[in-house]
Protein backbone atom coordinates (compact mmCIF):
# COMPACT_ATOMS: atom_id res chain seq x y z
CA MET A 1 115.26 112.06 84.81
CA PRO A 2 114.75 110.58 81.32
CA ASP A 3 111.61 112.64 80.75
CA LYS A 4 110.57 113.99 77.34
CA TRP A 5 108.34 116.55 79.02
CA GLU A 6 110.04 117.86 82.18
CA TYR A 7 113.71 117.17 81.39
CA PRO A 8 116.18 118.27 82.64
CA TRP A 9 115.70 117.69 86.35
CA PHE A 10 117.31 115.21 88.70
CA ALA A 11 116.34 113.04 91.64
CA ALA A 12 119.38 111.67 93.40
CA TRP A 13 118.28 108.11 94.21
CA ASP A 14 116.43 107.69 90.90
CA LEU A 15 119.64 108.55 89.07
CA GLY A 16 121.57 105.84 90.90
CA PHE A 17 119.17 103.14 89.72
CA HIS A 18 118.99 104.58 86.19
CA MET A 19 122.72 104.14 85.78
CA ILE A 20 122.68 100.36 86.33
CA PRO A 21 121.01 99.43 83.01
CA LEU A 22 122.70 102.38 81.27
CA ALA A 23 126.13 101.18 82.42
CA HIS A 24 125.66 98.09 80.25
CA ILE A 25 125.09 100.36 77.23
CA ASP A 26 127.51 103.23 77.88
CA SER A 27 129.61 102.80 81.02
CA HIS A 28 131.44 106.09 80.42
CA PHE A 29 128.17 108.03 80.45
CA ALA A 30 126.97 106.19 83.58
CA LYS A 31 130.16 107.02 85.46
CA GLU A 32 130.00 110.67 84.37
CA GLN A 33 126.44 110.96 85.68
CA LEU A 34 127.37 109.42 89.03
CA ILE A 35 130.37 111.70 89.44
CA LEU A 36 128.26 114.73 88.53
CA LEU A 37 126.21 114.78 91.76
CA LEU A 38 129.45 114.53 93.75
CA ARG A 39 131.02 117.56 92.10
CA GLU A 40 131.43 120.81 94.04
CA TRP A 41 128.54 122.51 92.24
CA TYR A 42 126.08 119.83 93.38
CA MET A 43 127.35 118.39 96.66
CA HIS A 44 127.15 120.76 99.62
CA PRO A 45 130.48 121.45 101.39
CA ASN A 46 129.10 119.58 104.41
CA GLY A 47 128.71 116.43 102.30
CA GLN A 48 124.98 116.45 101.62
CA ILE A 49 123.84 115.30 98.17
CA PRO A 50 120.78 117.35 97.14
CA ALA A 51 117.64 115.31 96.63
CA TYR A 52 116.31 117.22 93.61
CA GLU A 53 116.36 120.78 92.32
CA PHE A 54 113.00 121.76 93.80
CA ALA A 55 113.92 120.68 97.37
CA PHE A 56 117.68 120.38 97.88
CA GLY A 57 117.21 119.67 101.59
CA ASP A 58 115.05 116.56 101.22
CA VAL A 59 116.79 113.27 101.88
CA ASN A 60 116.85 110.46 99.35
CA PRO A 61 118.07 106.97 100.25
CA PRO A 62 121.89 106.81 100.06
CA VAL A 63 122.24 104.51 97.06
CA HIS A 64 124.96 106.50 95.30
CA ALA A 65 127.79 104.33 96.62
CA TRP A 66 126.02 101.13 95.56
CA ALA A 67 125.32 102.54 92.08
CA ALA A 68 128.96 103.63 91.66
CA TRP A 69 130.21 100.22 92.86
CA ARG A 70 127.90 98.42 90.42
CA ALA A 71 128.84 100.73 87.53
CA TYR A 72 132.52 100.14 88.31
CA LYS A 73 132.09 96.36 88.11
CA ILE A 74 129.95 96.54 84.99
CA SER A 75 132.58 98.72 83.26
CA GLY A 76 135.08 95.89 82.81
CA GLU A 77 136.42 92.52 83.86
CA ARG A 78 138.40 92.15 87.08
CA GLY A 79 141.83 93.68 86.59
CA ASP A 80 140.61 95.93 83.78
CA ARG A 81 138.28 98.33 85.61
CA ASP A 82 138.35 102.08 86.11
CA ARG A 83 140.06 102.38 89.50
CA ASP A 84 140.47 106.14 89.09
CA PHE A 85 136.68 106.44 88.95
CA LEU A 86 136.26 104.25 92.03
CA GLU A 87 138.85 106.17 94.02
CA SER A 88 137.34 109.51 93.03
CA VAL A 89 133.79 108.63 94.08
CA PHE A 90 134.99 106.90 97.26
CA GLN A 91 136.65 110.08 98.51
CA LYS A 92 133.53 112.18 97.93
CA LEU A 93 131.25 109.54 99.40
CA LEU A 94 133.25 109.66 102.63
CA LEU A 95 131.97 113.23 103.02
CA ASN A 96 128.40 112.17 102.34
CA PHE A 97 128.60 109.24 104.77
CA THR A 98 129.91 111.55 107.48
CA TRP A 99 127.03 113.97 106.82
CA TRP A 100 124.55 111.13 107.38
CA VAL A 101 126.22 110.09 110.62
CA ASN A 102 126.36 113.66 111.98
CA ARG A 103 122.93 114.88 110.84
CA LYS A 104 120.59 111.86 110.79
CA ASP A 105 121.49 109.99 113.98
CA ALA A 106 119.85 112.38 116.44
CA ASP A 107 120.88 110.58 119.63
CA GLY A 108 124.20 109.09 118.51
CA GLU A 109 122.80 105.58 118.92
CA ASN A 110 123.37 104.30 115.35
CA LEU A 111 119.63 104.41 114.62
CA PHE A 112 118.82 106.79 111.79
CA SER A 113 115.86 108.97 110.83
CA GLY A 114 116.39 110.41 107.38
CA GLY A 115 112.78 111.49 106.79
CA PHE A 116 110.55 110.16 104.06
CA LEU A 117 113.58 108.64 102.27
CA GLY A 118 111.95 108.64 98.85
CA LEU A 119 109.11 106.41 100.01
CA ASP A 120 106.58 109.26 100.11
CA ASN A 121 103.37 108.15 101.83
CA ILE A 122 104.50 104.75 103.11
CA GLY A 123 104.15 105.79 106.75
CA ALA A 124 101.18 106.73 108.89
CA PHE A 125 102.33 110.36 108.80
CA ASP A 126 104.86 112.59 107.07
CA ARG A 127 108.15 111.32 108.44
CA THR A 128 109.96 114.58 107.57
CA GLN A 129 107.98 116.51 110.21
CA VAL A 130 109.08 117.17 113.79
CA LEU A 131 107.15 114.97 116.22
CA PRO A 132 105.30 116.58 119.14
CA ASN A 133 106.43 116.59 122.77
CA GLY A 134 110.08 116.01 121.93
CA ALA A 135 109.51 112.53 120.52
CA THR A 136 111.97 111.22 117.91
CA LEU A 137 111.51 108.72 115.11
CA ARG A 138 113.87 105.80 114.64
CA GLN A 139 113.47 104.48 111.11
CA ALA A 140 113.98 100.85 110.18
CA ASP A 141 114.56 101.83 106.55
CA GLY A 142 116.86 104.76 107.39
CA THR A 143 118.98 102.51 109.60
CA ALA A 144 118.97 99.74 106.99
CA TRP A 145 120.09 102.18 104.29
CA MET A 146 123.04 103.22 106.45
CA ALA A 147 124.04 99.62 107.16
CA PHE A 148 123.83 98.99 103.41
CA TYR A 149 125.96 102.10 102.83
CA CYS A 150 128.59 100.69 105.24
CA ILE A 151 128.67 97.34 103.45
CA THR A 152 129.16 99.03 100.07
CA MET A 153 131.90 101.37 101.32
CA LEU A 154 133.62 98.36 102.94
CA GLU A 155 133.62 96.49 99.63
CA MET A 156 134.95 99.55 97.79
CA ALA A 157 137.69 100.08 100.39
CA LEU A 158 138.79 96.44 100.16
CA GLU A 159 138.98 96.73 96.37
CA LEU A 160 141.07 99.91 96.59
CA ALA A 161 143.26 98.45 99.36
CA SER A 162 144.21 95.52 97.14
CA GLY A 163 145.86 97.96 94.76
CA GLU A 164 147.45 96.81 91.55
CA GLY A 165 149.96 93.99 91.38
CA GLN A 166 151.30 93.13 94.84
CA ARG A 167 151.01 96.61 96.35
CA ILE A 168 148.65 97.07 99.31
CA HIS A 169 147.21 100.51 100.07
CA GLN A 170 147.22 100.65 103.85
CA ALA A 171 145.06 103.78 104.04
CA TYR A 172 142.20 101.92 102.37
CA GLU A 173 142.76 98.92 104.67
CA ASP A 174 142.20 101.31 107.57
CA MET A 175 138.99 102.61 105.97
CA ALA A 176 137.76 99.04 105.41
CA SER A 177 138.25 98.37 109.13
CA LYS A 178 136.35 101.55 109.97
CA PHE A 179 133.34 100.53 107.86
CA LEU A 180 133.37 96.98 109.23
CA GLU A 181 133.17 98.27 112.80
CA HIS A 182 130.56 100.88 111.93
CA PHE A 183 128.40 98.28 110.21
CA VAL A 184 128.34 95.94 113.19
CA GLN A 185 127.53 98.85 115.52
CA ILE A 186 124.52 99.78 113.35
CA ALA A 187 123.41 96.14 113.10
CA ASP A 188 123.77 95.75 116.86
CA ALA A 189 121.68 98.88 117.53
CA MET A 190 118.99 97.75 115.14
CA ASN A 191 118.77 94.32 116.75
CA ARG A 192 119.53 94.93 120.42
CA LEU A 193 119.49 98.60 121.53
CA GLY A 194 117.17 98.89 124.52
CA GLY A 195 116.62 95.15 124.45
CA SER A 196 115.51 94.42 120.90
CA GLY A 197 116.27 97.54 118.85
CA LEU A 198 113.78 97.95 116.02
CA TRP A 199 113.00 94.23 115.94
CA HIS A 200 109.57 93.13 117.20
CA ASP A 201 110.04 89.55 118.31
CA GLU A 202 106.37 88.72 118.77
CA ASP A 203 105.58 89.75 115.18
CA GLY A 204 108.93 88.70 113.70
CA PHE A 205 109.38 91.97 111.79
CA TYR A 206 111.31 95.26 111.82
CA TYR A 207 109.29 98.42 112.50
CA ASP A 208 109.84 102.16 112.73
CA GLN A 209 109.79 103.31 116.34
CA VAL A 210 108.65 106.51 118.06
CA ARG A 211 110.88 107.23 121.03
CA THR A 212 109.86 109.40 123.99
CA GLU A 213 111.52 109.91 127.36
CA GLN A 214 109.20 107.31 128.84
CA SER A 215 108.80 104.68 126.13
CA ALA A 216 109.51 103.32 122.67
CA ILE A 217 106.42 102.62 120.54
CA SER A 218 106.65 100.40 117.45
CA LEU A 219 104.68 101.66 114.44
CA LYS A 220 103.32 98.26 113.47
CA THR A 221 102.94 98.79 109.75
CA ARG A 222 104.04 95.80 107.68
CA SER A 223 105.64 97.65 104.79
CA MET A 224 108.75 97.76 102.66
CA VAL A 225 110.31 99.66 105.58
CA GLY A 226 110.57 96.35 107.46
CA LEU A 227 111.87 94.38 104.48
CA LEU A 228 114.75 96.72 103.63
CA PRO A 229 116.94 95.52 106.54
CA LEU A 230 117.39 92.31 104.52
CA MET A 231 119.35 94.18 101.84
CA ALA A 232 122.19 95.01 104.25
CA GLY A 233 124.09 91.77 103.84
CA GLY A 234 127.57 91.20 102.45
CA VAL A 235 129.89 88.22 102.10
CA LEU A 236 133.65 88.28 102.60
CA GLU A 237 135.91 85.44 101.52
CA GLU A 238 138.70 84.62 103.97
CA GLU A 239 140.96 83.72 101.06
CA MET A 240 140.61 87.28 99.73
CA ILE A 241 140.84 89.25 102.96
CA LYS A 242 143.91 87.30 104.11
CA LYS A 243 145.75 89.11 101.30
CA LEU A 244 145.18 92.28 103.32
CA PRO A 245 146.97 91.40 106.58
CA GLY A 246 146.22 94.70 108.32
CA PHE A 247 142.48 94.43 107.75
CA TYR A 248 142.41 90.70 108.52
CA LYS A 249 144.27 91.19 111.78
CA ARG A 250 141.96 94.00 112.94
CA ALA A 251 138.85 92.07 111.89
CA ALA A 252 140.05 88.99 113.81
CA TRP A 253 140.76 91.15 116.87
CA PHE A 254 137.30 92.66 116.64
CA VAL A 255 135.60 89.27 116.46
CA ARG A 256 137.67 87.96 119.38
CA HIS A 257 137.50 90.96 121.72
CA ARG A 258 134.09 92.47 120.93
CA PRO A 259 131.74 89.49 120.98
CA ASP A 260 128.99 91.86 122.14
CA LEU A 261 129.03 93.34 118.64
CA ALA A 262 130.50 90.56 116.53
CA HIS A 263 127.34 88.42 116.78
CA SER A 264 126.34 90.25 113.58
CA ILE A 265 129.13 88.35 111.78
CA SER A 266 128.53 84.72 110.83
CA PHE A 267 131.05 82.40 109.23
CA TYR A 268 130.83 79.24 107.19
CA GLU A 269 133.59 76.74 106.44
CA HIS A 270 133.94 75.84 102.76
CA GLY A 271 136.56 74.28 100.52
CA VAL A 272 139.20 77.01 100.58
CA GLY A 273 138.67 78.47 104.04
CA ARG A 274 135.97 80.48 105.72
CA ARG A 275 133.28 82.70 104.30
CA PHE A 276 132.00 85.55 106.48
CA LEU A 277 128.48 87.00 106.33
CA LEU A 278 127.83 90.53 107.54
CA ALA A 279 124.08 90.97 107.94
CA ILE A 280 121.44 92.71 110.04
CA PRO A 281 119.12 89.71 110.46
CA SER A 282 120.30 86.46 111.99
CA ARG A 283 119.43 83.32 110.08
CA ARG A 284 116.30 82.84 112.21
CA ARG A 285 115.18 86.45 111.77
CA LEU A 286 115.84 86.29 108.05
CA GLU A 287 113.57 83.26 107.86
CA ARG A 288 110.81 85.00 109.82
CA VAL A 289 110.85 88.12 107.66
CA LEU A 290 110.93 86.03 104.48
CA ASN A 291 107.83 84.19 105.64
CA TYR A 292 106.01 87.52 105.35
CA MET A 293 107.72 88.60 102.14
CA LEU A 294 106.91 85.34 100.34
CA ASP A 295 103.31 85.12 101.55
CA GLU A 296 100.79 85.87 98.80
CA LYS A 297 98.38 87.14 101.47
CA GLU A 298 101.04 89.60 102.58
CA PHE A 299 103.78 90.99 100.31
CA LEU A 300 104.08 88.52 97.43
CA SER A 301 102.11 89.63 94.39
CA PRO A 302 101.96 87.72 91.08
CA TYR A 303 104.14 90.60 89.81
CA GLY A 304 106.72 91.11 92.55
CA ILE A 305 106.91 92.40 96.12
CA ARG A 306 104.22 94.81 97.23
CA SER A 307 105.35 97.95 99.06
CA LEU A 308 102.72 97.36 101.77
CA SER A 309 101.38 94.03 103.01
CA LYS A 310 97.93 93.03 101.77
CA PHE A 311 97.27 92.19 105.42
CA HIS A 312 96.38 95.86 105.90
CA GLU A 313 93.51 95.59 103.43
CA LYS A 314 91.31 94.18 106.20
CA ASP A 315 93.39 95.30 109.17
CA PRO A 316 94.61 98.88 108.60
CA CYS A 317 97.41 100.27 110.75
CA ILE A 318 96.11 103.11 112.94
CA PHE A 319 98.33 105.40 115.00
CA ASN A 320 96.90 108.13 117.26
CA THR A 321 98.88 111.11 118.45
CA ASP A 322 97.63 114.31 120.08
CA GLY A 323 94.06 113.36 119.27
CA VAL A 324 94.79 112.91 115.55
CA GLU A 325 94.26 109.53 113.90
CA HIS A 326 96.85 108.48 111.31
CA ARG A 327 95.85 105.51 109.18
CA VAL A 328 97.52 103.22 106.65
CA ASP A 329 95.36 101.03 104.40
CA TYR A 330 96.45 98.65 101.66
CA ASP A 331 96.03 100.64 98.46
CA PRO A 332 97.39 98.66 95.46
CA GLY A 333 96.74 101.23 92.74
CA GLU A 334 96.75 105.02 92.56
CA SER A 335 97.04 106.82 95.87
CA SER A 336 93.82 107.61 97.70
CA THR A 337 95.58 109.93 100.16
CA HIS A 338 96.84 113.45 99.47
CA LEU A 339 99.97 113.00 101.60
CA PHE A 340 102.92 114.25 99.48
CA GLY A 341 100.49 115.50 96.84
CA GLY A 342 98.92 112.12 96.10
CA ASN A 343 100.88 111.65 92.89
CA SER A 344 102.66 108.48 93.96
CA ASN A 345 101.74 105.58 96.20
CA TRP A 346 103.82 103.33 98.44
CA ARG A 347 100.87 101.64 100.14
CA GLY A 348 100.65 98.54 98.00
CA PRO A 349 101.99 98.95 94.46
CA ILE A 350 105.16 97.30 93.14
CA TRP A 351 108.22 99.52 92.80
CA PHE A 352 111.29 98.24 90.97
CA PRO A 353 114.14 99.78 93.01
CA VAL A 354 113.00 98.30 96.31
CA ASN A 355 112.37 94.95 94.64
CA TYR A 356 115.79 94.95 92.99
CA LEU A 357 117.88 95.42 96.14
CA PRO A 358 116.27 92.67 98.28
CA ILE A 359 116.49 90.24 95.35
CA GLU A 360 120.17 91.07 94.95
CA ALA A 361 120.60 90.52 98.70
CA LEU A 362 118.95 87.09 98.51
CA GLU A 363 121.62 86.08 96.00
CA ARG A 364 124.32 87.14 98.45
CA TYR A 365 122.65 85.21 101.27
CA HIS A 366 122.55 82.16 98.99
CA HIS A 367 126.26 82.56 98.28
CA PHE A 368 126.81 82.22 102.01
CA TYR A 369 124.16 79.68 103.08
CA GLY A 370 123.92 77.66 99.86
CA ASP A 371 121.41 74.83 99.90
CA THR A 372 121.47 74.70 103.71
CA PHE A 373 118.86 77.49 103.71
CA GLN A 374 115.55 76.33 102.27
CA ILE A 375 112.23 78.15 102.61
CA GLN A 376 108.69 77.72 101.32
CA CYS A 377 107.96 79.89 98.30
CA PRO A 378 105.19 80.92 98.31
CA THR A 379 104.74 80.67 102.09
CA GLY A 380 102.45 77.76 102.94
CA SER A 381 102.78 76.13 99.52
CA GLY A 382 105.05 73.30 100.66
CA ARG A 383 107.35 74.16 97.75
CA MET A 384 110.88 74.46 99.14
CA MET A 385 113.50 76.64 97.47
CA ASN A 386 117.01 77.81 98.21
CA LEU A 387 117.50 81.59 98.22
CA GLN A 388 118.85 81.74 94.66
CA GLN A 389 115.71 79.98 93.47
CA VAL A 390 113.62 82.46 95.47
CA ALA A 391 115.49 85.34 93.83
CA ASN A 392 114.84 83.78 90.41
CA GLU A 393 111.14 83.41 91.22
CA LEU A 394 110.82 87.04 92.27
CA GLY A 395 112.71 88.22 89.19
CA ALA A 396 110.44 86.13 86.94
CA ARG A 397 107.36 87.72 88.52
CA LEU A 398 108.75 91.19 87.84
CA ALA A 399 109.59 90.24 84.25
CA GLY A 400 106.04 88.95 83.86
CA ILE A 401 104.74 92.51 84.08
CA PHE A 402 106.05 93.08 80.55
CA LEU A 403 105.60 89.66 78.93
CA ALA A 404 102.72 89.14 76.49
CA ASP A 405 100.30 86.23 76.86
CA ALA A 406 98.81 84.25 73.94
CA THR A 407 96.44 87.13 73.13
CA GLY A 408 99.25 89.69 73.07
CA ARG A 409 98.18 91.31 76.34
CA ARG A 410 100.88 92.51 78.72
CA PRO A 411 99.93 93.14 82.39
CA CYS A 412 101.65 96.55 82.33
CA HIS A 413 99.11 97.81 79.77
CA GLY A 414 96.07 96.86 81.82
CA ASP A 415 92.84 96.58 79.84
CA ASP A 416 93.88 98.89 77.00
CA ALA A 417 93.23 96.66 73.97
CA ARG A 418 95.30 98.81 71.62
CA PHE A 419 98.54 97.50 73.08
CA ALA A 420 97.45 93.91 72.46
CA SER A 421 95.79 94.07 69.04
CA ASP A 422 96.60 97.30 67.21
CA PRO A 423 99.79 96.87 65.11
CA HIS A 424 100.62 100.56 65.67
CA TRP A 425 100.53 100.16 69.46
CA ARG A 426 101.33 96.56 70.43
CA ASP A 427 105.12 96.92 70.32
CA LEU A 428 105.07 100.15 72.33
CA VAL A 429 106.15 99.02 75.81
CA LEU A 430 106.12 101.79 78.40
CA PHE A 431 108.29 101.78 81.51
CA HIS A 432 105.89 103.06 84.15
CA GLU A 433 106.95 104.49 87.47
CA TYR A 434 105.30 101.72 89.53
CA PHE A 435 102.74 98.93 89.11
CA HIS A 436 99.41 97.80 90.55
CA GLY A 437 99.94 95.30 93.37
CA GLU A 438 97.27 92.89 92.08
CA THR A 439 97.14 93.28 88.29
CA GLY A 440 100.61 94.55 87.35
CA ARG A 441 99.06 97.52 85.49
CA GLY A 442 101.47 100.42 84.97
CA LEU A 443 100.86 103.48 87.17
CA GLY A 444 102.32 106.90 87.73
CA ALA A 445 104.44 108.49 85.03
CA ASN A 446 104.50 106.27 81.94
CA HIS A 447 107.42 108.10 80.32
CA GLN A 448 109.42 109.46 83.21
CA THR A 449 111.12 107.09 85.60
CA GLY A 450 114.03 105.14 84.20
CA TRP A 451 114.54 102.86 87.17
CA THR A 452 111.95 100.43 85.80
CA ALA A 453 114.55 99.60 83.12
CA LEU A 454 116.08 97.41 85.85
CA VAL A 455 113.67 94.75 84.56
CA ILE A 456 115.96 94.02 81.62
CA ARG A 457 118.12 91.92 83.92
CA TYR A 458 115.18 89.71 84.94
CA ILE A 459 113.94 89.33 81.38
CA ALA A 460 117.44 88.24 80.32
CA ASP A 461 117.69 85.85 83.30
CA LEU A 462 114.31 84.33 82.46
CA ALA A 463 115.30 83.85 78.83
CA ARG A 464 118.50 82.02 79.89
CA GLN A 465 116.58 79.82 82.32
CA ARG A 466 114.05 78.88 79.65
CA ASN A 467 116.80 78.19 77.13
CA GLY A 468 118.61 75.99 79.60
CA THR A 469 121.78 78.10 79.58
CA VAL A 470 121.84 78.58 83.36
């Protein structure tokens, strides 16, 4: 953690996000940091990556593969990248992926329950605790993270299978096939297991689910948990995968002979062949979830995507179990509950990591759907956008947290006049841990969490848009 007070200590998923902006500055350092947590003195022999030094056994979202894949691509142009790094992390990540499959899929149904998954108090209760009466929790975010993990490992395997020059590495082709099949099994479970999986068709949203021997109960909290399934989307170009005949043949067989699972794969004809989309939500379900995400009365804040829908401000989510009431209210600022110590809040504020990944996913969806997919942004405004334009809009709102108005005031500094008018303070821009869902004011640690540096991409994008260079 880049912390002038508590350093050194690590948090596994924080580190992954920290390395994305740092890879643009020092790619060697970023790759070293990502390899570090996979070394034998950090990773458990069973494949578990420790969450942080004060609770090794906690489970952070599995973003390490994505961070390594992004750092690899940032490190150089195609054909001039560090394949040794990619191969090294891929081998270790296979152990970690297997640990997730063996330890966090309690019933072997491809629905995962990793615990609080870094999102602290986002749920009605502590999701790390054992539920009473033998009930189990199926997590929409845990399952989405694993589908996202599959997509990333598939992309890495395809890159390694292509080898250098004309040589094809068949072992990596086989691994790519494995991750393709595993992804569609997870997507199928999330959408259809038991009838509708974790999808609630009446509401048009993904929810966590408590499973007992008699029933499956949806925890109807509209939170980031139900938006994260959108991030598990990847696009494959037929022109590229045809260069890997083993993978292409097995993928074609799978689509032809397992239509019960292959409905999670869409394809689109374009100029040079077909483009395949691997995604959890169908086009219709994507549209329904986006209607919530882009609604200013729900998730869409002037400063990004809220972690909990504003809908719960007047209609809190209440869940009763064993005579105990568990309640989730919209809480856009500091936490008003002591769950997880009360020193962070996922019930309304804006967090950069879980804004960054859905925005990135929207760009991938746009690559597949193009201008054929248009949606109102904001919902109900009548203003139609393609998904790249939606991604740009969300990025601009996040950038706006740090941009000064005519008076010099930046939303991140709240009402503190020193940062607007005092020459000794006004250029001091702090990267807070998270931000108020209504005002954009910085909250949490103001000097600790480096993942907010992800905003540099959106500030750069906004500058290019305004200069007419994109």
